[in-house]
Structure formats: structure tokens, C-alpha cells
Amino acid sequence: MKKQRIIKESIQKIKEKGREGRQKIKKIVIKRKDDYLTALEKNWRDFLMKPLTNLFYKVGLTANHITYVGFVLIFGGIWMHFSNYNIKWQLIILTLAGISDAIDGPTARNNDNVTIKGTWLDHIRDMFLVAWATYLLYSYSLLSLEIIIVIWALQLLILWVTLKDFILRYLKKISDEETKVLIENFSLDDLQASVIGRLQFFFWALGYGFLLLALVLNTPVLITIGNSLILIEILFAGLNLMEIYKKTTV
């Protein structure tokens, strides 16, 4: 009987944790206006990164510190390229810069140091990262100029549609308090990627990853896979643009 009671209590605890998890997701959705799938993805990523982010908290390492390291790695990779370092070392540095993007968000959320500055730095670092990766792929003739123009034209349109209303409101003569609220709401709500935006960036990174890996392994099939993933990224970029446009015209 005692054993059965212990089992029942364990099951009840599991169920309670499940409810707590769902409530946490619900709170994220309400607070940040994320769609459910985006909030779910963040919740699981934060959970999986918890041991690492706890370590960062203990040693005083913030999310912004990690983002700064990402910038240093990117510019270090650029220096290595023009100093004629082996492409393998350049790709290791580029991979580490990409890892910084994967862990600074969970660090900010888990350790309660989400900031407006950090949000903007994160997006700027991402743009530097993919811009440099684009240059590498073009310089090694793994990505055509036409495809690059399509990718970045869509991205610049997404950026403009996302920022235009914010910029126009910011340039109007409003009080300091209204300006503060505007910047905070835009940075912590509107600037966050939707599930389509995250899928776009995922296929973008994955496609570039396969193409860059082809430089090291010299395997033609990796180029084919990489280009196929980039085409999927372009599709999601178009969907992302339409989604953002609809939101800004409502």
C-alpha cells in the first residue's frame, strides 16, 4: 500500500509540473504577445539550457556578455579570412558565433536580465553573422549573386516593414515617458520573431551550414541540400513578410 501511495504521489507531482509548464507558457504568451508555438519553443530551449545558464549566473556572465563575445568572434573570423587562415579555422569561429546566438536568449530569460539593449544587440549580431556567412559563400562561388539579391531584398523589406511604423512614431514629438514606453513595447514585443520568422532563420542558418560544410568536405550533395534549404528559407521569408505586413496594417 505504501508503494502504491508513493507511485500515486509521484504521478500527481508530474501532472502538477505539467500544469505549471502550461501556465508558464500561457504567461509568456500574454506578457510578450508571442504565438503559442514560439512560446513553447522558448520554454523548452530555456529548460534545456538551465544548467548552463545557472552556471553563467553564478560566475556573473550575462546575456549581453555572450552577445559581445559573438561580435568579437565574427570580427575575428573576418580578420582570419583576410589574413588567409585555413577555412576550417574560419568555420570553427563562425560556428562559435552561431552558438552565442543560441544561448544568449535563454541566459537572458532564465537569469532575468532581458533588456532592450540586449534585444537590439542580439538582432544586430545575427545580421552581421549571416552577412559575413553570405560573403564567404559568394567568395567561394557556393551561392549565386541572384540568389543573394533575392535573400537580402526580402530581408531588407522585412526589416523596413517591421521598423517603419516604429521609426515614424519615434520621430514625432512625444513626451519622454511616451518615448520610453514606445521603445520598450517595440523592443520586447514587436521585435520578437514569430514562428514563421524563426523557421525562416532556421532554414537560412541550416542552408548556410550545409554550404559551408561543403567547403571542408568537398561533397557536392551538401551543396545541393544547402541550396534546397535556401529556397525553403526564401519561401518562409515571403510568408514572414506577408505576416508582418498584415500585422502592421491592422
C-alpha atoms as a PDB file:
ATOM      1  CA  MET A   1       0.000   0.000   0.000  1.00  0.00           C
ATOM      2  CA  LYS A   2       2.823   2.368   0.840  1.00  0.00           C
ATOM      3  CA  LYS A   3       4.433   1.665  -2.513  1.00  0.00           C
ATOM      4  CA  GLN A   4       1.162   2.394  -4.362  1.00  0.00           C
ATOM      5  CA  ARG A   5       0.735   5.654  -2.433  1.00  0.00           C
ATOM      6  CA  ILE A   6       4.263   6.737  -3.415  1.00  0.00           C
ATOM      7  CA  ILE A   7       3.528   5.947  -7.072  1.00  0.00           C
ATOM      8  CA  LYS A   8       0.261   7.941  -6.952  1.00  0.00           C
ATOM      9  CA  GLU A   9       2.024  10.889  -5.335  1.00  0.00           C
ATOM     10  CA  SER A  10       4.745  10.781  -7.992  1.00  0.00           C
ATOM     11  CA  ILE A  11       2.160  10.774 -10.798  1.00  0.00           C
ATOM     12  CA  GLN A  12       0.352  13.696  -9.169  1.00  0.00           C
ATOM     13  CA  LYS A  13       3.605  15.677  -8.969  1.00  0.00           C
ATOM     14  CA  ILE A  14       4.255  15.025 -12.652  1.00  0.00           C
ATOM     15  CA  LYS A  15       0.756  16.237 -13.522  1.00  0.00           C
ATOM     16  CA  GLU A  16       1.228  19.362 -11.402  1.00  0.00           C
ATOM     17  CA  LYS A  17       4.517  20.120 -13.129  1.00  0.00           C
ATOM     18  CA  GLY A  18       2.728  19.708 -16.455  1.00  0.00           C
ATOM     19  CA  ARG A  19       0.129  22.273 -15.414  1.00  0.00           C
ATOM     20  CA  GLU A  20       2.844  24.611 -14.174  1.00  0.00           C
ATOM     21  CA  GLY A  21       4.623  24.324 -17.513  1.00  0.00           C
ATOM     22  CA  ARG A  22       1.451  25.120 -19.427  1.00  0.00           C
ATOM     23  CA  GLN A  23       0.783  28.090 -17.132  1.00  0.00           C
ATOM     24  CA  LYS A  24       4.330  29.337 -17.721  1.00  0.00           C
ATOM     25  CA  ILE A  25       3.801  29.162 -21.490  1.00  0.00           C
ATOM     26  CA  LYS A  26       0.459  30.953 -21.113  1.00  0.00           C
ATOM     27  CA  LYS A  27       2.134  33.742 -19.117  1.00  0.00           C
ATOM     28  CA  ILE A  28       4.817  34.152 -21.781  1.00  0.00           C
ATOM     29  CA  VAL A  29       2.147  34.368 -24.485  1.00  0.00           C
ATOM     30  CA  ILE A  30       0.203  37.017 -22.570  1.00  0.00           C
ATOM     31  CA  LYS A  31       3.241  39.015 -21.484  1.00  0.00           C
ATOM     32  CA  ARG A  32       5.144  39.054 -24.765  1.00  0.00           C
ATOM     33  CA  LYS A  33       2.301  38.513 -27.235  1.00  0.00           C
ATOM     34  CA  ASP A  34       4.166  35.508 -28.699  1.00  0.00           C
ATOM     35  CA  ASP A  35       2.176  32.902 -30.563  1.00  0.00           C
ATOM     36  CA  TYR A  36       1.847  29.573 -28.761  1.00  0.00           C
ATOM     37  CA  LEU A  37       4.459  27.644 -30.789  1.00  0.00           C
ATOM     38  CA  THR A  38       7.071  30.378 -30.376  1.00  0.00           C
ATOM     39  CA  ALA A  39       6.473  30.461 -26.629  1.00  0.00           C
ATOM     40  CA  LEU A  40       6.646  26.657 -26.472  1.00  0.00           C
ATOM     41  CA  GLU A  41       9.967  26.630 -28.316  1.00  0.00           C
ATOM     42  CA  LYS A  42      11.400  29.286 -25.998  1.00  0.00           C
ATOM     43  CA  ASN A  43      10.140  27.434 -22.940  1.00  0.00           C
ATOM     44  CA  TRP A  44      11.799  24.155 -23.915  1.00  0.00           C
ATOM     45  CA  ARG A  45      15.042  25.838 -25.001  1.00  0.00           C
ATOM     46  CA  ASP A  46      15.188  27.732 -21.706  1.00  0.00           C
ATOM     47  CA  PHE A  47      14.573  24.486 -19.794  1.00  0.00           C
ATOM     48  CA  LEU A  48      17.309  22.572 -21.638  1.00  0.00           C
ATOM     49  CA  MET A  49      19.797  25.426 -21.163  1.00  0.00           C
ATOM     50  CA  LYS A  50      19.010  25.793 -17.440  1.00  0.00           C
ATOM     51  CA  PRO A  51      22.160  24.026 -16.120  1.00  0.00           C
ATOM     52  CA  LEU A  52      24.386  26.188 -18.334  1.00  0.00           C
ATOM     53  CA  THR A  53      22.564  29.440 -17.587  1.00  0.00           C
ATOM     54  CA  ASN A  54      22.712  28.676 -13.842  1.00  0.00           C
ATOM     55  CA  LEU A  55      26.485  28.408 -14.196  1.00  0.00           C
ATOM     56  CA  PHE A  56      26.584  31.736 -16.043  1.00  0.00           C
ATOM     57  CA  TYR A  57      24.555  33.312 -13.233  1.00  0.00           C
ATOM     58  CA  LYS A  58      26.986  32.044 -10.589  1.00  0.00           C
ATOM     59  CA  VAL A  59      30.043  33.453 -12.398  1.00  0.00           C
ATOM     60  CA  GLY A  60      28.295  36.754 -13.265  1.00  0.00           C
ATOM     61  CA  LEU A  61      28.117  36.189 -17.028  1.00  0.00           C
ATOM     62  CA  THR A  62      25.106  37.998 -18.551  1.00  0.00           C
ATOM     63  CA  ALA A  63      23.347  37.512 -21.878  1.00  0.00           C
ATOM     64  CA  ASN A  64      24.873  40.756 -23.172  1.00  0.00           C
ATOM     65  CA  HIS A  65      28.370  39.444 -22.388  1.00  0.00           C
ATOM     66  CA  ILE A  66      27.643  36.400 -24.563  1.00  0.00           C
ATOM     67  CA  THR A  67      26.347  38.620 -27.375  1.00  0.00           C
ATOM     68  CA  TYR A  68      29.510  40.747 -27.179  1.00  0.00           C
ATOM     69  CA  VAL A  69      31.578  37.565 -27.489  1.00  0.00           C
ATOM     70  CA  GLY A  70      29.560  36.785 -30.633  1.00  0.00           C
ATOM     71  CA  PHE A  71      30.562  40.142 -32.135  1.00  0.00           C
ATOM     72  CA  VAL A  72      34.228  39.537 -31.272  1.00  0.00           C
ATOM     73  CA  LEU A  73      34.103  36.094 -32.905  1.00  0.00           C
ATOM     74  CA  ILE A  74      32.523  37.465 -36.092  1.00  0.00           C
ATOM     75  CA  PHE A  75      35.101  40.215 -36.476  1.00  0.00           C
ATOM     76  CA  GLY A  76      37.807  37.707 -35.556  1.00  0.00           C
ATOM     77  CA  GLY A  77      36.572  35.477 -38.378  1.00  0.00           C
ATOM     78  CA  ILE A  78      36.699  38.402 -40.815  1.00  0.00           C
ATOM     79  CA  TRP A  79      40.282  39.145 -39.769  1.00  0.00           C
ATOM     80  CA  MET A  80      41.221  35.470 -40.185  1.00  0.00           C
ATOM     81  CA  HIS A  81      39.739  35.403 -43.694  1.00  0.00           C
ATOM     82  CA  PHE A  82      41.743  38.378 -44.927  1.00  0.00           C
ATOM     83  CA  SER A  83      44.822  37.013 -43.129  1.00  0.00           C
ATOM     84  CA  ASN A  84      44.468  33.837 -45.232  1.00  0.00           C
ATOM     85  CA  TYR A  85      43.778  31.432 -42.378  1.00  0.00           C
ATOM     86  CA  ASN A  86      42.601  27.943 -43.281  1.00  0.00           C
ATOM     87  CA  ILE A  87      38.854  27.848 -43.973  1.00  0.00           C
ATOM     88  CA  LYS A  88      38.424  25.156 -41.302  1.00  0.00           C
ATOM     89  CA  TRP A  89      39.514  27.564 -38.570  1.00  0.00           C
ATOM     90  CA  GLN A  90      37.297  30.291 -40.002  1.00  0.00           C
ATOM     91  CA  LEU A  91      34.295  27.952 -39.867  1.00  0.00           C
ATOM     92  CA  ILE A  92      35.054  26.970 -36.260  1.00  0.00           C
ATOM     93  CA  ILE A  93      34.981  30.649 -35.284  1.00  0.00           C
ATOM     94  CA  LEU A  94      31.776  31.175 -37.294  1.00  0.00           C
ATOM     95  CA  THR A  95      30.157  28.167 -35.574  1.00  0.00           C
ATOM     96  CA  LEU A  96      31.074  29.515 -32.139  1.00  0.00           C
ATOM     97  CA  ALA A  97      29.499  32.859 -33.098  1.00  0.00           C
ATOM     98  CA  GLY A  98      26.347  30.960 -34.075  1.00  0.00           C
ATOM     99  CA  ILE A  99      26.337  29.136 -30.731  1.00  0.00           C
ATOM    100  CA  SER A 100      26.411  32.504 -28.966  1.00  0.00           C
ATOM    101  CA  ASP A 101      23.077  33.248 -30.649  1.00  0.00           C
ATOM    102  CA  ALA A 102      21.591  30.002 -29.337  1.00  0.00           C
ATOM    103  CA  ILE A 103      22.484  30.605 -25.689  1.00  0.00           C
ATOM    104  CA  ASP A 104      22.182  34.357 -25.063  1.00  0.00           C
ATOM    105  CA  GLY A 105      18.362  34.330 -25.249  1.00  0.00           C
ATOM    106  CA  PRO A 106      17.878  31.521 -22.694  1.00  0.00           C
ATOM    107  CA  THR A 107      20.515  33.160 -20.481  1.00  0.00           C
ATOM    108  CA  ALA A 108      18.588  36.453 -20.536  1.00  0.00           C
ATOM    109  CA  ARG A 109      15.235  34.819 -19.785  1.00  0.00           C
ATOM    110  CA  ASN A 110      16.422  32.266 -17.210  1.00  0.00           C
ATOM    111  CA  ASN A 111      18.535  34.785 -15.288  1.00  0.00           C
ATOM    112  CA  ASP A 112      16.016  37.618 -15.538  1.00  0.00           C
ATOM    113  CA  ASN A 113      18.282  40.014 -17.447  1.00  0.00           C
ATOM    114  CA  VAL A 114      16.224  40.612 -20.584  1.00  0.00           C
ATOM    115  CA  THR A 115      16.980  44.184 -21.667  1.00  0.00           C
ATOM    116  CA  ILE A 116      16.095  46.448 -24.563  1.00  0.00           C
ATOM    117  CA  LYS A 117      19.785  46.889 -25.332  1.00  0.00           C
ATOM    118  CA  GLY A 118      20.307  43.137 -25.336  1.00  0.00           C
ATOM    119  CA  THR A 119      17.393  42.557 -27.707  1.00  0.00           C
ATOM    120  CA  TRP A 120      18.771  45.039 -30.246  1.00  0.00           C
ATOM    121  CA  LEU A 121      22.328  43.724 -29.886  1.00  0.00           C
ATOM    122  CA  ASP A 122      21.077  40.190 -30.498  1.00  0.00           C
ATOM    123  CA  HIS A 123      19.387  41.143 -33.771  1.00  0.00           C
ATOM    124  CA  ILE A 124      22.341  43.237 -34.962  1.00  0.00           C
ATOM    125  CA  ARG A 125      24.785  40.402 -34.162  1.00  0.00           C
ATOM    126  CA  ASP A 126      22.578  37.974 -36.147  1.00  0.00           C
ATOM    127  CA  MET A 127      22.619  40.279 -39.182  1.00  0.00           C
ATOM    128  CA  PHE A 128      26.409  40.619 -39.028  1.00  0.00           C
ATOM    129  CA  LEU A 129      26.714  36.849 -38.730  1.00  0.00           C
ATOM    130  CA  VAL A 130      24.568  35.973 -41.747  1.00  0.00           C
ATOM    131  CA  ALA A 131      26.002  38.862 -43.783  1.00  0.00           C
ATOM    132  CA  TRP A 132      29.536  37.571 -43.237  1.00  0.00           C
ATOM    133  CA  ALA A 133      28.473  33.981 -43.970  1.00  0.00           C
ATOM    134  CA  THR A 134      26.837  35.244 -47.184  1.00  0.00           C
ATOM    135  CA  TYR A 135      30.070  36.919 -48.232  1.00  0.00           C
ATOM    136  CA  LEU A 136      32.050  33.703 -47.585  1.00  0.00           C
ATOM    137  CA  LEU A 137      29.631  31.627 -49.666  1.00  0.00           C
ATOM    138  CA  TYR A 138      29.753  34.142 -52.502  1.00  0.00           C
ATOM    139  CA  SER A 139      33.553  34.397 -52.412  1.00  0.00           C
ATOM    140  CA  TYR A 140      33.809  30.590 -52.747  1.00  0.00           C
ATOM    141  CA  SER A 141      31.138  30.539 -55.514  1.00  0.00           C
ATOM    142  CA  LEU A 142      28.720  28.424 -53.477  1.00  0.00           C
ATOM    143  CA  LEU A 143      25.855  30.907 -53.702  1.00  0.00           C
ATOM    144  CA  SER A 144      24.935  32.838 -56.832  1.00  0.00           C
ATOM    145  CA  LEU A 145      24.601  36.605 -56.833  1.00  0.00           C
ATOM    146  CA  GLU A 146      20.975  36.325 -57.999  1.00  0.00           C
ATOM    147  CA  ILE A 147      20.006  34.168 -55.004  1.00  0.00           C
ATOM    148  CA  ILE A 148      21.854  36.519 -52.647  1.00  0.00           C
ATOM    149  CA  ILE A 149      19.972  39.518 -54.051  1.00  0.00           C
ATOM    150  CA  VAL A 150      16.620  37.741 -53.542  1.00  0.00           C
ATOM    151  CA  ILE A 151      17.505  36.692 -49.966  1.00  0.00           C
ATOM    152  CA  TRP A 152      18.644  40.123 -48.864  1.00  0.00           C
ATOM    153  CA  ALA A 153      15.967  42.053 -50.771  1.00  0.00           C
ATOM    154  CA  LEU A 154      13.323  40.091 -48.851  1.00  0.00           C
ATOM    155  CA  GLN A 155      15.194  40.577 -45.593  1.00  0.00           C
ATOM    156  CA  LEU A 156      15.502  44.331 -46.108  1.00  0.00           C
ATOM    157  CA  LEU A 157      11.775  44.515 -46.906  1.00  0.00           C
ATOM    158  CA  ILE A 158      11.011  42.588 -43.693  1.00  0.00           C
ATOM    159  CA  LEU A 159      13.261  44.968 -41.781  1.00  0.00           C
ATOM    160  CA  TRP A 160      11.588  48.048 -43.282  1.00  0.00           C
ATOM    161  CA  VAL A 161       8.029  46.837 -42.700  1.00  0.00           C
ATOM    162  CA  THR A 162       8.968  45.924 -39.114  1.00  0.00           C
ATOM    163  CA  LEU A 163      10.670  49.243 -38.357  1.00  0.00           C
ATOM    164  CA  LYS A 164       8.784  51.859 -40.381  1.00  0.00           C
ATOM    165  CA  ASP A 165       5.855  52.448 -38.005  1.00  0.00           C
ATOM    166  CA  PHE A 166       8.181  52.478 -35.013  1.00  0.00           C
ATOM    167  CA  ILE A 167      10.535  54.990 -36.673  1.00  0.00           C
ATOM    168  CA  LEU A 168       7.680  57.267 -37.756  1.00  0.00           C
ATOM    169  CA  ARG A 169       6.193  57.277 -34.244  1.00  0.00           C
ATOM    170  CA  TYR A 170       9.620  57.775 -32.684  1.00  0.00           C
ATOM    171  CA  LEU A 171      10.325  60.818 -34.850  1.00  0.00           C
ATOM    172  CA  LYS A 172       7.096  62.509 -33.790  1.00  0.00           C
ATOM    173  CA  LYS A 173       7.218  64.976 -30.915  1.00  0.00           C
ATOM    174  CA  ILE A 174       6.132  62.847 -27.986  1.00  0.00           C
ATOM    175  CA  SER A 175       6.978  63.058 -24.301  1.00  0.00           C
ATOM    176  CA  ASP A 176       9.964  61.281 -22.790  1.00  0.00           C
ATOM    177  CA  GLU A 177       7.658  58.885 -20.973  1.00  0.00           C
ATOM    178  CA  GLU A 178       5.778  58.015 -24.193  1.00  0.00           C
ATOM    179  CA  THR A 179       9.098  57.522 -25.980  1.00  0.00           C
ATOM    180  CA  LYS A 180      10.276  55.152 -23.250  1.00  0.00           C
ATOM    181  CA  VAL A 181       7.066  53.101 -23.471  1.00  0.00           C
ATOM    182  CA  LEU A 182       7.250  53.056 -27.289  1.00  0.00           C
ATOM    183  CA  ILE A 183      10.839  51.752 -27.312  1.00  0.00           C
ATOM    184  CA  GLU A 184      10.148  49.171 -24.606  1.00  0.00           C
ATOM    185  CA  ASN A 185       6.985  47.810 -26.235  1.00  0.00           C
ATOM    186  CA  PHE A 186       8.577  47.642 -29.680  1.00  0.00           C
ATOM    187  CA  SER A 187      11.809  46.041 -28.473  1.00  0.00           C
ATOM    188  CA  LEU A 188      10.263  43.454 -26.174  1.00  0.00           C
ATOM    189  CA  ASP A 189       7.109  42.705 -28.196  1.00  0.00           C
ATOM    190  CA  ASP A 190       7.099  43.696 -31.877  1.00  0.00           C
ATOM    191  CA  LEU A 191      10.781  42.963 -32.469  1.00  0.00           C
ATOM    192  CA  GLN A 192      10.394  39.334 -31.369  1.00  0.00           C
ATOM    193  CA  ALA A 193      10.254  36.798 -34.201  1.00  0.00           C
ATOM    194  CA  SER A 194       7.075  34.808 -34.859  1.00  0.00           C
ATOM    195  CA  VAL A 195       7.154  31.066 -35.528  1.00  0.00           C
ATOM    196  CA  ILE A 196       7.391  31.779 -39.286  1.00  0.00           C
ATOM    197  CA  GLY A 197      10.257  34.198 -38.661  1.00  0.00           C
ATOM    198  CA  ARG A 198      12.044  31.573 -36.581  1.00  0.00           C
ATOM    199  CA  LEU A 199      11.539  28.944 -39.284  1.00  0.00           C
ATOM    200  CA  GLN A 200      12.918  31.371 -41.846  1.00  0.00           C
ATOM    201  CA  PHE A 201      16.058  31.952 -39.790  1.00  0.00           C
ATOM    202  CA  PHE A 202      16.358  28.209 -39.024  1.00  0.00           C
ATOM    203  CA  PHE A 203      16.382  27.216 -42.708  1.00  0.00           C
ATOM    204  CA  TRP A 204      18.666  30.159 -43.503  1.00  0.00           C
ATOM    205  CA  ALA A 205      21.220  29.003 -40.901  1.00  0.00           C
ATOM    206  CA  LEU A 206      20.835  25.322 -41.839  1.00  0.00           C
ATOM    207  CA  GLY A 207      21.223  26.035 -45.560  1.00  0.00           C
ATOM    208  CA  TYR A 208      24.328  28.131 -44.975  1.00  0.00           C
ATOM    209  CA  GLY A 209      25.637  25.429 -42.646  1.00  0.00           C
ATOM    210  CA  PHE A 210      25.450  22.732 -45.334  1.00  0.00           C
ATOM    211  CA  LEU A 211      27.048  25.014 -47.940  1.00  0.00           C
ATOM    212  CA  LEU A 212      29.902  25.971 -45.608  1.00  0.00           C
ATOM    213  CA  LEU A 213      30.392  22.327 -44.643  1.00  0.00           C
ATOM    214  CA  ALA A 214      30.787  21.546 -48.340  1.00  0.00           C
ATOM    215  CA  LEU A 215      33.892  23.768 -48.330  1.00  0.00           C
ATOM    216  CA  VAL A 216      35.573  21.417 -45.860  1.00  0.00           C
ATOM    217  CA  LEU A 217      34.260  18.033 -47.006  1.00  0.00           C
ATOM    218  CA  ASN A 218      34.157  18.822 -50.732  1.00  0.00           C
ATOM    219  CA  THR A 219      30.910  16.859 -51.135  1.00  0.00           C
ATOM    220  CA  PRO A 220      28.616  18.028 -53.988  1.00  0.00           C
ATOM    221  CA  VAL A 221      25.487  16.594 -52.347  1.00  0.00           C
ATOM    222  CA  LEU A 222      25.929  19.043 -49.448  1.00  0.00           C
ATOM    223  CA  ILE A 223      25.761  21.923 -51.921  1.00  0.00           C
ATOM    224  CA  THR A 224      22.514  20.540 -53.358  1.00  0.00           C
ATOM    225  CA  ILE A 225      20.994  20.159 -49.883  1.00  0.00           C
ATOM    226  CA  GLY A 226      22.181  23.623 -48.870  1.00  0.00           C
ATOM    227  CA  ASN A 227      20.687  25.297 -51.924  1.00  0.00           C
ATOM    228  CA  SER A 228      17.395  23.429 -51.419  1.00  0.00           C
ATOM    229  CA  LEU A 229      17.222  24.683 -47.823  1.00  0.00           C
ATOM    230  CA  ILE A 230      17.936  28.234 -49.002  1.00  0.00           C
ATOM    231  CA  LEU A 231      14.970  28.003 -51.388  1.00  0.00           C
ATOM    232  CA  ILE A 232      12.785  26.949 -48.433  1.00  0.00           C
ATOM    233  CA  GLU A 233      14.178  29.939 -46.497  1.00  0.00           C
ATOM    234  CA  ILE A 234      13.125  32.249 -49.342  1.00  0.00           C
ATOM    235  CA  LEU A 235       9.615  30.769 -49.180  1.00  0.00           C
ATOM    236  CA  PHE A 236       9.382  31.399 -45.435  1.00  0.00           C
ATOM    237  CA  ALA A 237      10.840  34.892 -45.906  1.00  0.00           C
ATOM    238  CA  GLY A 238       7.948  35.684 -48.253  1.00  0.00           C
ATOM    239  CA  LEU A 239       5.429  34.298 -45.755  1.00  0.00           C
ATOM    240  CA  ASN A 240       7.135  36.234 -42.949  1.00  0.00           C
ATOM    241  CA  LEU A 241       6.921  39.454 -44.953  1.00  0.00           C
ATOM    242  CA  MET A 242       3.197  38.964 -45.569  1.00  0.00           C
ATOM    243  CA  GLU A 243       2.568  38.140 -41.910  1.00  0.00           C
ATOM    244  CA  ILE A 244       4.408  41.256 -40.668  1.00  0.00           C
ATOM    245  CA  TYR A 245       2.671  43.436 -43.261  1.00  0.00           C
ATOM    246  CA  LYS A 246      -0.750  42.216 -42.137  1.00  0.00           C
ATOM    247  CA  LYS A 247       0.112  42.943 -38.507  1.00  0.00           C
ATOM    248  CA  THR A 248       1.228  46.495 -39.286  1.00  0.00           C
ATOM    249  CA  THR A 249      -1.884  47.284 -41.355  1.00  0.00           C
ATOM    250  CA  VAL A 250      -4.407  46.033 -38.780  1.00  0.00           C
END
